Amino acid sequence: MRVVIDAPIDPRLVEAFTGYDVQTLFDLGWQHLKDHVLVKQLECDVFVTADRGFEHEHSLRSLSFGMVVVHVRETRSPSTDRCFRTC
């Protein structure tokens, strides 16, 4: 399964997906792409994002991948560090 993680999300999340092909938008060099361009470029099974409006801005039925919308207070902060210590 190929997983792509959105740019604002802490890249350490990659470590939580052992056994999967996981890349961040930074790995792909796509961190500056606008969402409407990104959805046409992505070739993955799952896209992980913290963009709460993403599912309202795009027709989910037309996407070729599944989405996981992560709800966190901050995408890169000491509060997310606790998450990675327990993984």
Protein backbone atom coordinates (compact mmCIF):
# COMPACT_ATOMS: atom_id res chain seq x y z
CA MET A 1 0.00 0.00 0.00
CA ARG A 2 1.36 3.40 -0.95
CA VAL A 3 0.77 6.22 1.55
CA VAL A 4 1.50 9.92 1.00
CA ILE A 5 1.65 12.34 3.94
CA ASP A 6 0.74 16.00 3.49
CA ALA A 7 3.44 18.66 3.98
CA PRO A 8 2.12 20.29 7.18
CA ILE A 9 2.13 16.97 9.05
CA ASP A 10 5.18 16.06 11.11
CA PRO A 11 7.32 13.84 8.85
CA ARG A 12 8.00 11.47 11.75
CA LEU A 13 4.54 10.04 11.08
CA VAL A 14 6.25 7.96 8.39
CA GLU A 15 7.59 5.79 11.22
CA ALA A 16 4.04 4.77 12.18
CA PHE A 17 3.51 3.03 8.83
CA THR A 18 6.05 0.22 9.02
CA GLY A 19 5.74 -2.23 6.15
CA TYR A 20 4.16 0.32 3.80
CA ASP A 21 5.56 2.46 0.99
CA VAL A 22 5.30 5.89 2.65
CA GLN A 23 6.45 9.27 1.36
CA THR A 24 5.81 12.86 2.34
CA LEU A 25 5.05 15.65 -0.10
CA PHE A 26 8.55 16.93 0.72
CA ASP A 27 10.01 13.59 -0.43
CA LEU A 28 8.16 13.99 -3.71
CA GLY A 29 9.08 17.69 -4.05
CA TRP A 30 5.38 18.60 -4.14
CA GLN A 31 5.07 20.53 -0.87
CA HIS A 32 4.19 23.77 -2.69
CA LEU A 33 1.49 22.37 -4.97
CA LYS A 34 -2.01 23.70 -4.53
CA ASP A 35 -4.63 21.09 -3.58
CA HIS A 36 -6.42 21.19 -6.95
CA VAL A 37 -3.12 20.37 -8.71
CA LEU A 38 -2.04 17.87 -6.06
CA VAL A 39 -5.14 15.67 -6.36
CA LYS A 40 -4.43 15.22 -10.07
CA GLN A 41 -0.76 14.28 -9.44
CA LEU A 42 -1.12 11.87 -6.53
CA GLU A 43 -0.68 8.19 -7.30
CA CYS A 44 -1.23 6.48 -3.97
CA ASP A 45 -3.70 4.38 -2.06
CA VAL A 46 -4.05 6.72 0.94
CA PHE A 47 -3.38 10.43 1.42
CA VAL A 48 -2.95 11.60 5.03
CA THR A 49 -3.70 15.29 5.63
CA ALA A 50 -4.55 17.69 8.44
CA ASP A 51 -6.51 19.92 6.05
CA ARG A 52 -9.99 19.78 7.55
CA GLY A 53 -11.51 21.50 4.54
CA PHE A 54 -10.01 19.11 2.00
CA GLU A 55 -12.99 16.78 1.96
CA HIS A 56 -15.34 19.74 1.38
CA GLU A 57 -13.25 21.37 -1.34
CA HIS A 58 -12.96 18.32 -3.60
CA SER A 59 -15.30 15.70 -4.95
CA LEU A 60 -14.22 12.66 -2.92
CA ARG A 61 -15.92 10.32 -5.38
CA SER A 62 -13.63 11.51 -8.16
CA LEU A 63 -10.41 10.88 -6.20
CA SER A 64 -8.37 7.80 -7.08
CA PHE A 65 -7.17 7.40 -3.47
CA GLY A 66 -8.57 7.19 0.04
CA MET A 67 -8.07 9.96 2.57
CA VAL A 68 -7.33 10.15 6.25
CA VAL A 69 -7.95 13.57 7.79
CA VAL A 70 -5.97 13.87 11.02
CA HIS A 71 -7.39 16.26 13.61
CA VAL A 72 -4.63 17.71 15.81
CA ARG A 73 -4.21 21.07 17.50
CA GLU A 74 -0.82 21.66 15.93
CA THR A 75 0.86 19.63 13.21
CA ARG A 76 4.41 20.20 14.50
CA SER A 77 4.66 20.78 18.21
CA PRO A 78 5.85 19.26 21.48
CA SER A 79 2.33 17.86 21.95
CA THR A 80 2.80 15.59 18.91
CA ASP A 81 6.12 14.36 20.31
CA ARG A 82 4.23 12.23 22.85
CA CYS A 83 2.57 10.40 20.00
CA PHE A 84 5.87 9.37 18.47
CA ARG A 85 7.36 8.21 21.75
CA THR A 86 4.54 5.68 22.14
CA CYS A 87 4.62 4.32 18.55
